[in-house]
Amino acid sequence: MMQVITVPATLDDKGFEALVVETARACEAGGRAVVNARHLQWADPYGMVGLLAAGRQLRDVSGEEPAFEPPESSELMSYLTRMEFPRAAEGIFRLPAGITAARQPSGPSNVLLEITPIRSHDDVHGVIEHIQDRAGTILTEQLNYSPADAVPFSIMLSEVCQNIVEHAESGGWVGIQRYNWARRLGRQVVVIGVADLGIGFRGSLAREHAARFGDRWNDLTALQAAFLHGVTRFRDPGRGQGLKQIRARVHRWGGKVSIRSGTARVADLPEWDDSVAVQEGLAPFPGSQIQIVLPARV
């Protein structure tokens, strides 16, 4: 029986949760799948990398690529193409004829980083080299950050990408876009989305820490240990502190960072965001998914 996964109209962090529920249901039922994105109206980088992760999960469980029904909105499809979503989706979805994965002509753009696969340390270095000029320009000219902030921004991005290579034990994706949140926040923001289908935080930290937590060891406990307390999989003091430093840096910049892994999500939230900081009992999904939102300085 064909399993139909309906992509919500808005694919951001909240929309991704709805997509995960649909994906988990389809994986449990088994069989061929089709991902219906016809009514998709808006997607941010977190939603896009999440959609790729959901597609690969469906592919891995069923043994064949799920069919992809693209958005009916030509404007949104053009945006997905600028973000190079079709290129990243090759080998994950069966794309219909007419969807091109060709690169768009270069020019002025709000895209800091197109949807980019991360499989190795070389990919991480390539990402950092690719965005250095773009990031410096947009951070200083559009978001009112100081030129010195471009360096910690690049370090932060490197850390979240290295997490895919070193901890996830699986490839993943990253994408970055600038938006004008005029109604929501009255400011420009940069949204970073990172996703993988690896072993997740509980799997990564289990060997070193599961025993001392005993029956309390689960996805939420592992996330809180890493995100709030700086617990790492390394025995050497000072190693693996990237996530803790990212949280501190984003907090200092007045931004938001949230991490989902397994069945739980934790977030460090600024005053302008009314999301829930801790969630558990979510629909299961492998790996980890990270969203970072950096608003313009005021």
Protein backbone atom coordinates (compact mmCIF):
# COMPACT_ATOMS: atom_id res chain seq x y z
CA MET A 1 0.00 0.00 0.00
CA MET A 2 1.28 3.45 -0.91
CA GLN A 3 2.02 5.63 2.12
CA VAL A 4 1.30 9.33 1.56
CA ILE A 5 3.25 11.83 3.68
CA THR A 6 1.71 15.30 3.56
CA VAL A 7 4.13 18.18 4.00
CA PRO A 8 2.54 21.05 6.00
CA ALA A 9 2.03 24.43 4.33
CA THR A 10 4.68 26.01 6.55
CA LEU A 11 7.84 23.98 6.99
CA ASP A 12 9.78 25.44 9.91
CA ASP A 13 10.57 23.93 13.32
CA LYS A 14 6.88 23.46 14.13
CA GLY A 15 6.07 22.16 10.65
CA PHE A 16 8.94 19.70 10.90
CA GLU A 17 7.31 18.12 13.95
CA ALA A 18 4.16 17.47 11.91
CA LEU A 19 6.33 15.99 9.14
CA VAL A 20 8.07 13.70 11.63
CA VAL A 21 4.73 12.36 12.85
CA GLU A 22 3.74 11.55 9.26
CA THR A 23 7.13 10.00 8.51
CA ALA A 24 7.07 7.80 11.63
CA ARG A 25 3.59 6.57 10.71
CA ALA A 26 4.65 5.74 7.15
CA CYS A 27 7.82 3.98 8.28
CA GLU A 28 5.85 1.86 10.73
CA ALA A 29 3.33 0.89 8.06
CA GLY A 30 6.06 0.09 5.53
CA GLY A 31 5.83 -0.05 1.78
CA ARG A 32 6.33 2.55 -0.92
CA ALA A 33 5.88 6.20 -0.07
CA VAL A 34 5.07 9.48 -1.73
CA VAL A 35 5.89 12.84 -0.13
CA ASN A 36 3.20 15.34 -1.08
CA ALA A 37 4.56 18.90 -0.89
CA ARG A 38 2.03 20.39 -3.32
CA HIS A 39 0.53 22.73 -0.73
CA LEU A 40 3.84 23.86 0.74
CA GLN A 41 3.90 27.67 0.85
CA TRP A 42 7.00 28.50 2.91
CA ALA A 43 10.10 26.69 4.14
CA ASP A 44 13.19 27.79 6.01
CA PRO A 45 16.58 26.03 6.01
CA TYR A 46 15.64 23.95 9.06
CA GLY A 47 12.51 22.75 7.30
CA MET A 48 14.39 21.98 4.09
CA VAL A 49 17.14 19.92 5.72
CA GLY A 50 14.45 18.23 7.82
CA LEU A 51 12.54 17.31 4.66
CA LEU A 52 15.68 15.75 3.21
CA ALA A 53 16.22 13.80 6.43
CA ALA A 54 12.63 12.55 6.37
CA GLY A 55 13.01 11.49 2.75
CA ARG A 56 16.17 9.55 3.45
CA GLN A 57 14.57 7.89 6.46
CA LEU A 58 11.70 6.74 4.23
CA ARG A 59 14.19 5.55 1.62
CA ASP A 60 16.27 3.61 4.14
CA VAL A 61 13.24 1.91 5.70
CA SER A 62 11.45 0.98 2.46
CA GLY A 63 14.53 0.29 0.37
CA GLU A 64 13.48 2.65 -2.42
CA GLU A 65 13.32 6.37 -2.99
CA PRO A 66 9.96 7.94 -2.10
CA ALA A 67 8.26 9.90 -4.86
CA PHE A 68 8.25 13.67 -4.40
CA GLU A 69 5.32 15.84 -5.44
CA PRO A 70 6.72 19.39 -5.66
CA PRO A 71 5.01 22.58 -4.47
CA GLU A 72 2.38 24.03 -6.77
CA SER A 73 3.69 27.51 -5.92
CA SER A 74 6.12 28.50 -8.66
CA GLU A 75 7.57 31.18 -6.39
CA LEU A 76 8.37 28.66 -3.68
CA MET A 77 9.74 26.16 -6.19
CA SER A 78 12.02 28.89 -7.52
CA TYR A 79 13.20 29.56 -3.98
CA LEU A 80 13.88 25.85 -3.34
CA THR A 81 15.90 25.79 -6.54
CA ARG A 82 17.94 28.82 -5.46
CA MET A 83 18.63 26.99 -2.20
CA GLU A 84 19.70 23.98 -4.32
CA PHE A 85 17.19 21.71 -2.65
CA PRO A 86 16.67 19.68 -5.86
CA ARG A 87 20.40 18.99 -6.12
CA ALA A 88 20.52 17.79 -2.51
CA ALA A 89 17.36 15.71 -3.05
CA GLU A 90 18.85 13.62 -5.86
CA GLY A 91 19.22 10.04 -4.69
CA ILE A 92 16.81 10.65 -1.81
CA PHE A 93 13.56 11.35 -3.66
CA ARG A 94 12.28 10.32 -7.07
CA LEU A 95 11.93 13.80 -8.53
CA PRO A 96 9.45 14.42 -11.33
CA ALA A 97 10.64 15.48 -14.78
CA GLY A 98 11.14 19.21 -15.07
CA ILE A 99 12.67 19.81 -11.66
CA THR A 100 16.17 20.92 -12.38
CA ALA A 101 19.09 20.59 -10.04
CA ALA A 102 21.13 23.08 -12.04
CA ARG A 103 22.84 25.89 -10.17
CA GLN A 104 21.24 29.29 -10.44
CA PRO A 105 23.15 32.28 -11.82
CA SER A 106 25.14 34.05 -9.16
CA GLY A 107 24.06 37.51 -8.03
CA PRO A 108 22.64 39.40 -5.05
CA SER A 109 20.87 36.96 -2.78
CA ASN A 110 19.67 36.46 0.77
CA VAL A 111 21.08 32.94 0.65
CA LEU A 112 24.20 32.66 2.80
CA LEU A 113 24.61 28.94 2.17
CA GLU A 114 22.63 26.73 -0.17
CA ILE A 115 21.50 23.34 1.14
CA THR A 116 24.85 21.57 1.36
CA PRO A 117 25.61 17.90 2.12
CA ILE A 118 28.14 17.28 4.90
CA ARG A 119 29.88 13.92 4.74
CA SER A 120 33.49 14.67 5.67
CA HIS A 121 35.81 17.22 7.24
CA ASP A 122 36.60 18.45 3.73
CA ASP A 123 32.92 19.34 3.30
CA VAL A 124 33.03 21.35 6.54
CA HIS A 125 36.11 23.27 5.37
CA GLY A 126 34.40 23.91 2.05
CA VAL A 127 31.34 25.35 3.79
CA ILE A 128 33.41 27.74 5.89
CA GLU A 129 35.41 28.94 2.90
CA HIS A 130 32.22 29.40 0.90
CA ILE A 131 30.41 31.61 3.40
CA GLN A 132 33.21 33.72 4.86
CA ASP A 133 32.74 36.69 2.54
CA ARG A 134 28.95 36.41 2.43
CA ALA A 135 28.63 36.04 6.18
CA GLY A 136 30.88 38.99 6.94
CA THR A 137 28.92 41.24 4.58
CA ILE A 138 25.47 40.24 5.76
CA LEU A 139 26.34 40.21 9.47
CA THR A 140 27.82 43.68 9.37
CA GLU A 141 25.74 45.43 6.72
CA GLN A 142 22.34 43.81 7.30
CA LEU A 143 22.37 42.63 10.93
CA ASN A 144 24.55 45.34 12.52
CA TYR A 145 27.11 42.92 13.95
CA SER A 146 30.71 43.99 14.31
CA PRO A 147 33.32 42.75 11.80
CA ALA A 148 34.89 40.76 14.64
CA ASP A 149 31.66 38.73 15.01
CA ALA A 150 32.22 37.08 11.61
CA VAL A 151 34.98 34.90 13.11
CA PRO A 152 32.94 33.37 15.97
CA PHE A 153 30.06 32.95 13.52
CA SER A 154 32.28 30.83 11.28
CA ILE A 155 33.56 28.88 14.29
CA MET A 156 29.99 28.23 15.42
CA LEU A 157 28.99 27.00 11.98
CA SER A 158 32.06 24.79 11.83
CA GLU A 159 31.14 23.23 15.19
CA VAL A 160 27.59 22.30 14.18
CA CYS A 161 28.86 20.82 10.92
CA GLN A 162 31.66 18.93 12.68
CA ASN A 163 28.97 17.42 14.90
CA ILE A 164 27.61 15.64 11.83
CA VAL A 165 30.99 14.18 10.91
CA GLU A 166 32.32 13.32 14.37
CA HIS A 167 29.27 12.48 16.45
CA ALA A 168 26.44 11.57 14.13
CA GLU A 169 28.32 8.78 12.32
CA SER A 170 26.20 9.69 9.32
CA GLY A 171 26.07 12.35 6.66
CA GLY A 172 23.79 15.34 6.94
CA TRP A 173 22.95 18.77 5.54
CA VAL A 174 23.28 22.44 6.42
CA GLY A 175 21.65 25.56 4.97
CA ILE A 176 21.59 29.28 5.91
CA GLN A 177 19.24 32.05 4.80
CA ARG A 178 18.56 35.66 5.75
CA TYR A 179 14.95 36.77 6.21
CA ASN A 180 13.09 39.95 7.05
CA TRP A 181 10.88 39.07 10.02
CA ALA A 182 9.08 42.43 9.81
CA ARG A 183 5.84 41.23 11.41
CA ARG A 184 7.21 38.63 13.79
CA LEU A 185 10.20 40.53 15.15
CA GLY A 186 10.59 43.76 13.23
CA ARG A 187 14.14 42.83 12.31
CA GLN A 188 16.29 40.92 9.87
CA VAL A 189 17.33 37.42 11.01
CA VAL A 190 19.64 34.68 9.85
CA VAL A 191 18.31 31.11 10.15
CA ILE A 192 20.68 28.14 10.21
CA GLY A 193 19.35 24.61 9.77
CA VAL A 194 21.41 21.46 10.34
CA ALA A 195 20.16 17.86 10.24
CA ASP A 196 21.55 14.34 10.23
CA LEU A 197 20.29 10.79 10.65
CA GLY A 198 23.04 9.52 12.91
CA ILE A 199 22.97 7.90 16.34
CA GLY A 200 21.74 11.02 18.12
CA PHE A 201 22.88 12.47 21.43
CA ARG A 202 21.76 9.50 23.52
CA GLY A 203 23.75 7.12 21.31
CA SER A 204 26.79 9.39 21.17
CA LEU A 205 27.02 9.87 24.94
CA ALA A 206 25.81 6.43 26.08
CA ARG A 207 29.18 4.69 26.49
CA GLU A 208 30.60 7.34 28.83
CA HIS A 209 27.48 8.48 30.71
CA ALA A 210 24.51 6.10 30.48
CA ALA A 211 25.52 4.00 33.49
CA ARG A 212 25.61 6.88 35.98
CA PHE A 213 22.17 8.09 34.92
CA GLY A 214 20.69 4.60 35.19
CA ASP A 215 16.96 4.39 34.49
CA ARG A 216 16.84 8.13 33.85
CA TRP A 217 18.96 7.79 30.71
CA ASN A 218 16.88 8.76 27.70
CA ASP A 219 16.87 11.25 24.81
CA LEU A 220 15.91 14.21 26.99
CA THR A 221 18.49 13.43 29.69
CA ALA A 222 21.23 13.11 27.08
CA LEU A 223 20.24 16.38 25.39
CA GLN A 224 20.10 18.29 28.66
CA ALA A 225 23.43 16.85 29.78
CA ALA A 226 25.12 18.03 26.58
CA PHE A 227 23.25 21.27 25.99
CA LEU A 228 22.90 22.62 29.52
CA HIS A 229 25.82 21.04 31.37
CA GLY A 230 28.49 20.60 28.71
CA VAL A 231 28.69 16.81 29.06
CA THR A 232 30.61 15.25 26.17
CA ARG A 233 31.61 11.81 24.96
CA PHE A 234 35.28 12.62 25.70
CA ARG A 235 37.00 11.81 28.98
CA ASP A 236 39.56 14.57 28.53
CA PRO A 237 38.45 17.83 30.21
CA GLY A 238 37.85 20.62 27.73
CA ARG A 239 37.22 18.41 24.70
CA GLY A 240 33.88 18.48 22.93
CA GLN A 241 32.70 21.75 24.47
CA GLY A 242 31.48 23.16 21.14
CA LEU A 243 27.78 22.85 21.88
CA LYS A 244 28.09 24.62 25.21
CA GLN A 245 30.04 27.44 23.56
CA ILE A 246 27.47 27.72 20.77
CA ARG A 247 24.68 28.08 23.31
CA ALA A 248 26.60 30.80 25.15
CA ARG A 249 27.44 32.66 21.95
CA VAL A 250 23.90 32.59 20.55
CA HIS A 251 22.52 33.69 23.92
CA ARG A 252 24.96 36.62 23.97
CA TRP A 253 23.75 37.62 20.51
CA GLY A 254 20.10 37.51 21.60
CA GLY A 255 19.36 34.53 19.37
CA LYS A 256 17.68 31.16 19.62
CA VAL A 257 19.21 27.70 19.43
CA SER A 258 17.21 24.48 19.63
CA ILE A 259 18.29 20.87 19.28
CA ARG A 260 16.05 17.89 18.59
CA SER A 261 17.25 14.32 18.98
CA GLY A 262 15.27 11.09 19.15
CA THR A 263 12.06 11.94 20.97
CA ALA A 264 13.12 15.16 22.71
CA ARG A 265 13.97 18.78 22.05
CA VAL A 266 15.68 21.42 24.20
CA ALA A 267 16.16 25.09 23.42
CA ASP A 268 17.75 28.25 24.74
CA LEU A 269 15.12 30.89 24.04
CA PRO A 270 15.34 34.69 23.87
CA GLU A 271 12.57 36.96 25.11
CA TRP A 272 11.08 37.36 21.64
CA ASP A 273 10.44 33.62 21.18
CA ASP A 274 7.45 31.99 22.90
CA SER A 275 8.36 28.38 22.07
CA VAL A 276 8.57 25.65 24.68
CA ALA A 277 12.11 25.24 25.98
CA VAL A 278 11.86 21.52 26.80
CA GLN A 279 9.80 18.88 25.00
CA GLU A 280 9.78 15.11 25.36
CA GLY A 281 7.61 12.31 24.08
CA LEU A 282 7.89 13.60 20.51
CA ALA A 283 7.51 11.31 17.52
CA PRO A 284 10.77 9.34 17.16
CA PHE A 285 13.27 10.47 14.56
CA PRO A 286 16.91 9.42 14.24
CA GLY A 287 19.95 11.66 14.51
CA SER A 288 19.89 15.28 15.58
CA GLN A 289 18.44 18.46 14.10
CA ILE A 290 19.70 21.92 15.08
CA GLN A 291 18.10 25.30 14.45
CA ILE A 292 19.86 28.61 15.16
CA VAL A 293 18.19 32.01 14.67
CA LEU A 294 20.32 35.15 14.91
CA PRO A 295 18.44 38.48 14.89
CA ALA A 296 19.84 41.84 13.84
CA ARG A 297 21.48 43.76 16.66
CA VAL A 298 19.65 46.80 18.01
